[in-house]
Amino acid sequence: MRLQGLHGQVVDGLGRSLAAGELRAGEVLRLEDVQERFGVSRTVAREAVRVLESKRLVSSRPRVGVTVRPMSAWNLYDTQVIRWRLTSPERAAQLRELAELRAAVEPAAAALAAGNAGSPARQELLVHAHALTTAARAGDGAGFVTADAAFHRVLLGAAGNGMFAQLAEVVEELLVARRDLLPPARLDDPAVGRHLDVAVAVAEGRAEDAARAAGSIMAAARREVEILPDGSACPLVG
């Protein structure tokens, strides 16, 4: 959910501060401080805090105030929380965790899709895999992300597992971050071709081959390391 306007700016500002560790676990926020920092009314400050509370970043109690919760209590699957962590000093940890999550889920999703997917989903996977390859060869970063996100959304949905399907938004946030971190010239790598291997295996109902190809994509993604502008090494997920 992308919040708009002044309310959204306050939520985003506080969320980024929380993800960056500027506001630490156990620290108590006062609405007055939020009002002063952002120049907003008490109503806007209160509503912004409620959004953060819904994401489990903070808790609010009478006569105690708004308390920052430890990261272990946050809704780490919330796409906005993921976005905040990806723009924070915790970026490397967030990328690593997302890579590990995908490595655990996507090969299983590919195997299930080979058995459960309907004909339209099988065809969609092939279409998106070809679009991904075309965009990669052209160095088209935006087109690459669009095709990649569509491919993984269909794959996770085709597994027939509703919980897998809801991970699609999480994966998409990661792929958008990848576009911003990975130079277009490096988009055309062996992992791109493996998407077509997954699509073909799913289309032909070969569960083990689909899982193996998806696992290969995830393994390559976890090995990939890019030197970021700040000089730190950070894994990128493809």
Protein backbone atom coordinates (compact mmCIF):
# COMPACT_ATOMS: atom_id res chain seq x y z
CA MET A 1 0.00 0.00 0.00
CA ARG A 2 1.48 3.33 -1.09
CA LEU A 3 0.09 6.18 1.00
CA GLN A 4 -0.27 9.54 -0.67
CA GLY A 5 -0.16 13.16 0.45
CA LEU A 6 0.99 14.59 3.76
CA HIS A 7 -0.21 11.57 5.72
CA GLY A 8 1.86 9.29 3.48
CA GLN A 9 4.93 11.51 3.82
CA VAL A 10 4.79 11.26 7.62
CA VAL A 11 4.35 7.48 7.55
CA ASP A 12 7.22 7.14 5.08
CA GLY A 13 9.49 9.44 7.05
CA LEU A 14 8.89 7.62 10.32
CA GLY A 15 9.16 4.23 8.65
CA ARG A 16 12.52 5.08 7.14
CA SER A 17 13.76 6.32 10.52
CA LEU A 18 12.63 3.11 12.17
CA ALA A 19 14.24 0.91 9.51
CA ALA A 20 17.47 2.89 9.76
CA GLY A 21 17.58 2.41 13.52
CA GLU A 22 17.30 6.13 14.21
CA LEU A 23 14.33 5.28 16.41
CA ARG A 24 15.29 2.26 18.47
CA ALA A 25 13.33 -0.54 20.10
CA GLY A 26 11.90 0.58 23.41
CA GLU A 27 12.08 4.26 22.56
CA VAL A 28 8.87 6.19 23.22
CA LEU A 29 7.51 8.55 20.57
CA ARG A 30 5.42 11.54 21.45
CA LEU A 31 2.81 12.85 19.07
CA GLU A 32 4.12 16.31 19.79
CA ASP A 33 7.53 15.32 18.45
CA VAL A 34 5.97 13.92 15.27
CA GLN A 35 3.96 17.12 14.82
CA GLU A 36 7.05 19.27 15.25
CA ARG A 37 9.29 17.17 13.01
CA PHE A 38 6.89 17.10 10.08
CA GLY A 39 4.92 20.28 10.70
CA VAL A 40 1.58 18.47 10.76
CA SER A 41 -1.55 18.50 12.90
CA ARG A 42 -2.08 16.14 15.80
CA THR A 43 -4.71 14.30 13.74
CA VAL A 44 -2.25 13.59 10.92
CA ALA A 45 0.43 12.52 13.40
CA ARG A 46 -1.98 10.17 15.16
CA GLU A 47 -3.17 8.59 11.91
CA ALA A 48 0.42 8.07 10.78
CA VAL A 49 1.21 6.31 14.04
CA ARG A 50 -1.83 4.09 13.58
CA VAL A 51 -0.51 2.97 10.19
CA LEU A 52 2.82 2.07 11.77
CA GLU A 53 0.98 0.27 14.53
CA SER A 54 -0.93 -1.78 11.93
CA LYS A 55 2.44 -2.88 10.54
CA ARG A 56 3.52 -3.78 14.10
CA LEU A 57 6.45 -1.35 14.09
CA VAL A 58 5.12 0.45 17.15
CA SER A 59 2.63 -0.17 19.93
CA SER A 60 0.42 2.40 21.62
CA ARG A 61 -0.75 2.20 25.23
CA PRO A 62 -2.58 4.70 27.44
CA ARG A 63 -0.31 6.62 29.80
CA VAL A 64 2.72 4.99 28.16
CA GLY A 65 2.71 6.46 24.68
CA VAL A 66 3.90 5.10 21.36
CA THR A 67 6.70 2.59 21.85
CA VAL A 68 9.01 1.34 19.12
CA ARG A 69 8.86 -2.44 18.85
CA PRO A 70 11.88 -4.65 18.09
CA MET A 71 12.29 -5.62 14.44
CA SER A 72 11.49 -9.24 15.31
CA ALA A 73 7.91 -8.10 16.03
CA TRP A 74 7.45 -6.16 12.76
CA ASN A 75 5.37 -7.44 9.87
CA LEU A 76 8.43 -8.15 7.73
CA TYR A 77 6.25 -9.29 4.81
CA ASP A 78 4.64 -5.86 4.50
CA THR A 79 5.87 -4.45 1.20
CA GLN A 80 6.34 -0.95 2.60
CA VAL A 81 8.45 -2.32 5.45
CA ILE A 82 10.53 -4.20 2.89
CA ARG A 83 10.97 -0.98 0.91
CA TRP A 84 12.12 0.89 4.00
CA ARG A 85 14.63 -1.80 4.89
CA LEU A 86 15.98 -1.84 1.34
CA THR A 87 16.77 1.88 1.58
CA SER A 88 18.33 1.59 5.02
CA PRO A 89 21.71 0.45 6.37
CA GLU A 90 19.96 -2.92 6.81
CA ARG A 91 19.76 -3.35 3.02
CA ALA A 92 22.25 -6.24 2.91
CA ALA A 93 20.38 -8.16 5.60
CA GLN A 94 17.05 -7.57 3.87
CA LEU A 95 18.37 -8.76 0.51
CA ARG A 96 19.89 -11.85 2.13
CA GLU A 97 16.66 -12.71 3.94
CA LEU A 98 14.59 -12.28 0.80
CA ALA A 99 17.02 -14.42 -1.19
CA GLU A 100 16.78 -17.17 1.42
CA LEU A 101 12.98 -16.96 1.46
CA ARG A 102 12.78 -17.29 -2.30
CA ALA A 103 15.26 -20.17 -2.31
CA ALA A 104 13.04 -22.03 0.13
CA VAL A 105 9.73 -21.33 -1.65
CA GLU A 106 10.15 -20.92 -5.40
CA PRO A 107 11.53 -24.37 -6.29
CA ALA A 108 8.60 -25.91 -4.41
CA ALA A 109 6.21 -23.53 -6.18
CA ALA A 110 7.64 -24.52 -9.55
CA ALA A 111 7.16 -28.22 -8.80
CA LEU A 112 3.58 -27.65 -7.68
CA ALA A 113 2.87 -25.49 -10.72
CA ALA A 114 4.00 -28.31 -12.99
CA GLY A 115 1.24 -30.43 -11.52
CA ASN A 116 -1.44 -27.86 -10.74
CA ALA A 117 -1.22 -25.05 -13.29
CA GLY A 118 -3.94 -24.69 -15.87
CA SER A 119 -3.19 -24.22 -19.54
CA PRO A 120 -3.45 -20.36 -19.43
CA ALA A 121 -0.88 -20.13 -16.61
CA ARG A 122 1.50 -22.46 -18.43
CA GLN A 123 1.28 -20.30 -21.54
CA GLU A 124 1.69 -17.10 -19.52
CA LEU A 125 4.91 -18.39 -18.00
CA LEU A 126 6.33 -19.03 -21.46
CA VAL A 127 5.30 -15.57 -22.66
CA HIS A 128 6.87 -13.83 -19.67
CA ALA A 129 10.05 -15.93 -19.89
CA HIS A 130 10.53 -14.89 -23.53
CA ALA A 131 9.77 -11.25 -22.67
CA LEU A 132 12.32 -11.41 -19.86
CA THR A 133 14.98 -12.74 -22.21
CA THR A 134 14.24 -10.07 -24.82
CA ALA A 135 14.41 -7.26 -22.26
CA ALA A 136 17.64 -8.59 -20.79
CA ARG A 137 19.35 -8.73 -24.20
CA ALA A 138 18.22 -5.18 -24.93
CA GLY A 139 19.43 -3.90 -21.56
CA ASP A 140 15.87 -2.73 -20.88
CA GLY A 141 15.82 -2.47 -17.10
CA ALA A 142 12.18 -1.40 -16.78
CA GLY A 143 10.99 -4.06 -19.21
CA PHE A 144 13.13 -6.65 -17.44
CA VAL A 145 11.55 -5.93 -14.06
CA THR A 146 8.04 -5.94 -15.52
CA ALA A 147 8.55 -9.31 -17.19
CA ASP A 148 10.42 -10.79 -14.23
CA ALA A 149 7.74 -9.71 -11.75
CA ALA A 150 4.99 -11.07 -14.01
CA PHE A 151 6.83 -14.39 -14.40
CA HIS A 152 7.24 -14.94 -10.67
CA ARG A 153 3.71 -13.75 -9.91
CA VAL A 154 2.27 -16.33 -12.31
CA LEU A 155 4.63 -19.04 -11.03
CA LEU A 156 3.72 -18.50 -7.39
CA GLY A 157 0.02 -18.27 -8.23
CA ALA A 158 0.09 -21.39 -10.42
CA ALA A 159 1.34 -23.49 -7.53
CA GLY A 160 -2.21 -23.65 -6.20
CA ASN A 161 -1.08 -22.51 -2.74
CA GLY A 162 -2.67 -19.26 -1.61
CA MET A 163 0.16 -18.46 0.79
CA PHE A 164 2.73 -18.84 -1.98
CA ALA A 165 0.65 -16.59 -4.21
CA GLN A 166 0.68 -13.79 -1.65
CA LEU A 167 4.48 -13.74 -1.70
CA ALA A 168 4.34 -12.26 -5.21
CA GLU A 169 4.22 -8.69 -3.91
CA VAL A 170 7.22 -9.38 -1.68
CA VAL A 171 9.19 -10.73 -4.64
CA GLU A 172 8.21 -7.75 -6.78
CA GLU A 173 9.62 -5.29 -4.23
CA LEU A 174 12.87 -7.19 -4.40
CA LEU A 175 12.96 -7.17 -8.19
CA VAL A 176 12.41 -3.41 -8.28
CA ALA A 177 15.35 -3.00 -5.90
CA ARG A 178 17.43 -5.24 -8.14
CA ARG A 179 16.76 -2.95 -11.10
CA ASP A 180 18.12 -0.01 -9.11
CA LEU A 181 21.22 -1.90 -7.96
CA LEU A 182 22.20 -4.01 -10.95
CA PRO A 183 23.67 -2.35 -14.07
CA PRO A 184 21.58 -3.09 -17.20
CA ALA A 185 24.63 -4.53 -18.98
CA ARG A 186 24.58 -7.42 -16.49
CA LEU A 187 20.95 -8.35 -16.98
CA ASP A 188 21.69 -10.91 -19.67
CA ASP A 189 23.20 -13.74 -17.63
CA PRO A 190 22.65 -17.53 -17.50
CA ALA A 191 19.98 -17.17 -14.81
CA VAL A 192 17.76 -15.35 -17.31
CA GLY A 193 17.71 -18.36 -19.61
CA ARG A 194 16.80 -20.60 -16.71
CA HIS A 195 13.46 -18.83 -16.47
CA LEU A 196 12.62 -20.34 -19.84
CA ASP A 197 13.76 -23.73 -18.52
CA VAL A 198 11.28 -23.37 -15.65
CA ALA A 199 8.48 -22.31 -17.99
CA VAL A 200 9.05 -25.20 -20.38
CA ALA A 201 9.24 -27.74 -17.54
CA VAL A 202 6.01 -26.42 -16.02
CA ALA A 203 4.30 -26.43 -19.42
CA GLU A 204 5.29 -30.06 -19.92
CA GLY A 205 4.37 -31.11 -16.37
CA ARG A 206 7.92 -32.05 -15.36
CA ALA A 207 7.87 -31.19 -11.65
CA GLU A 208 11.41 -32.28 -10.74
CA ASP A 209 12.92 -30.41 -13.69
CA ALA A 210 10.88 -27.30 -12.88
CA ALA A 211 12.06 -27.37 -9.27
CA ARG A 212 15.66 -27.95 -10.34
CA ALA A 213 15.62 -25.04 -12.79
CA ALA A 214 14.01 -22.72 -10.24
CA GLY A 215 16.54 -23.82 -7.65
CA SER A 216 19.33 -23.00 -10.08
CA ILE A 217 17.95 -19.47 -10.50
CA MET A 218 17.83 -19.01 -6.75
CA ALA A 219 21.34 -20.42 -6.25
CA ALA A 220 22.76 -18.05 -8.85
CA ALA A 221 20.95 -15.15 -7.26
CA ARG A 222 22.36 -15.93 -3.84
CA ARG A 223 25.89 -16.09 -5.26
CA GLU A 224 25.61 -12.80 -7.04
CA VAL A 225 27.42 -10.01 -5.25
CA GLU A 226 27.57 -6.40 -6.32
CA ILE A 227 29.75 -3.62 -4.92
CA LEU A 228 27.35 -0.86 -3.95
CA PRO A 229 28.11 2.88 -4.14
CA ASP A 230 28.97 2.94 -0.42
CA GLY A 231 31.61 0.28 -1.02
CA SER A 232 29.82 -2.55 0.77
CA ALA A 233 29.31 -5.96 -0.75
CA CYS A 234 25.67 -6.93 -1.03
CA PRO A 235 23.90 -9.91 -2.59
CA LEU A 236 21.49 -9.16 -5.40
CA VAL A 237 18.53 -11.37 -6.11
CA GLY A 238 17.50 -12.15 -9.69
